[in-house]
Protein backbone atom coordinates (compact mmCIF):
# COMPACT_ATOMS: atom_id res chain seq x y z
CA UNK A 1 7.86 10.33 -3.26
CA UNK A 2 5.77 11.37 -6.17
CA UNK A 3 5.68 8.92 -9.03
CA UNK A 4 8.26 6.47 -7.72
CA UNK A 5 8.49 2.96 -9.18
CA UNK A 6 7.28 1.60 -5.84
CA UNK A 7 4.22 3.86 -5.84
CA UNK A 8 3.38 2.97 -9.44
CA UNK A 9 3.69 -0.74 -8.64
CA UNK A 10 1.43 -0.42 -5.60
CA UNK A 11 -1.16 1.57 -7.57
CA UNK A 12 -1.13 -1.07 -10.32
CA UNK A 13 -1.57 -3.82 -7.71
CA UNK A 14 -4.43 -1.99 -6.03
CA UNK A 15 -6.18 -1.36 -9.34
CA UNK A 16 -5.73 -4.89 -10.62
CA UNK A 17 -6.03 -7.11 -7.56
CA UNK A 18 -7.76 -5.24 -4.76
CA UNK A 19 -10.16 -2.55 -5.93
CA UNK A 20 -10.99 -3.77 -9.45
CA UNK A 21 -13.02 -0.72 -10.39
CA UNK A 22 -11.51 0.79 -13.55
CA UNK A 23 -13.66 3.91 -13.21
CA UNK A 24 -12.12 4.80 -9.83
CA UNK A 25 -9.27 7.27 -10.03
CA UNK A 26 -6.45 6.29 -7.71
CA UNK A 27 -3.32 8.23 -6.91
CA UNK A 28 -0.73 8.24 -4.15
CA UNK A 29 -2.97 10.27 -1.85
CA UNK A 30 -6.28 8.47 -2.34
CA UNK A 31 -7.77 7.47 1.04
CA UNK A 32 -8.03 3.69 1.02
CA UNK A 33 -8.84 2.54 4.53
CA UNK A 34 -11.12 5.33 5.76
CA UNK A 35 -13.05 5.27 2.48
CA UNK A 36 -13.67 1.53 2.76
CA UNK A 37 -11.75 0.71 -0.42
CA UNK A 38 -9.31 -1.37 1.60
CA UNK A 39 -10.72 -3.78 4.19
CA UNK A 40 -8.89 -5.82 6.81
CA UNK A 41 -8.60 -8.88 4.57
CA UNK A 42 -7.11 -6.86 1.71
CA UNK A 43 -4.62 -5.21 4.06
CA UNK A 44 -2.74 -8.49 4.40
CA UNK A 45 -2.36 -8.81 0.64
CA UNK A 46 -1.36 -5.17 0.38
CA UNK A 47 1.26 -5.55 3.09
CA UNK A 48 2.76 -8.59 1.35
CA UNK A 49 2.85 -6.74 -1.96
CA UNK A 50 4.41 -3.73 -0.26
CA UNK A 51 7.18 -5.98 1.05
CA UNK A 52 7.75 -7.39 -2.42
CA UNK A 53 7.77 -3.98 -4.11
CA UNK A 54 10.05 -2.28 -1.58
CA UNK A 55 12.23 -5.35 -0.93
CA UNK A 56 11.81 -4.78 2.79
CA UNK A 57 10.55 -7.03 5.56
CA UNK A 58 7.76 -5.17 7.35
CA UNK A 59 6.74 -6.54 10.76
CA UNK A 60 2.92 -6.64 10.86
CA UNK A 61 3.07 -5.75 14.55
CA UNK A 62 4.58 -2.37 13.63
CA UNK A 63 1.91 -1.44 11.07
CA UNK A 64 -1.56 -0.05 11.73
CA UNK A 65 -4.42 0.58 9.28
CA UNK A 66 -3.47 4.26 9.29
CA UNK A 67 -0.07 3.29 7.88
CA UNK A 68 -1.86 1.85 4.84
CA UNK A 69 -4.27 4.76 4.35
CA UNK A 70 -2.60 5.98 1.16
CA UNK A 71 0.06 4.63 -1.17
CA UNK A 72 2.30 7.51 -0.13
CA UNK A 73 1.89 6.48 3.53
CA UNK A 74 2.52 2.82 2.67
CA UNK A 75 5.85 3.62 1.04
CA UNK A 76 6.87 5.90 3.90
CA UNK A 77 5.97 3.20 6.43
CA UNK A 78 7.87 0.51 4.54
CA UNK A 79 11.07 2.52 4.71
CA UNK A 80 10.49 3.66 8.30
CA UNK A 81 9.75 0.29 9.93
CA UNK A 82 10.92 -2.25 7.38
CA UNK A 83 14.31 -3.84 7.15
CA UNK A 84 16.06 -4.85 3.95
CA UNK A 85 15.06 -8.32 2.88
């Protein structure tokens, strides 16, 4: 899933709305949760954006912080547990 439109959209969202540190290099495999870049409050916003970007309904009960560790993992999770919206 390298360089998919969904991944680019999530990276743009993370850069612009969540992390807000232009000096930080983010890519699809950047650790977000374990590094502390993504906290529990931001996870909700990220999950909602992931639903919007992938056009899938993702039950929060089926997602753990590990599923949001990287953008690559987010996209994989969305298609594994989400249903078309």
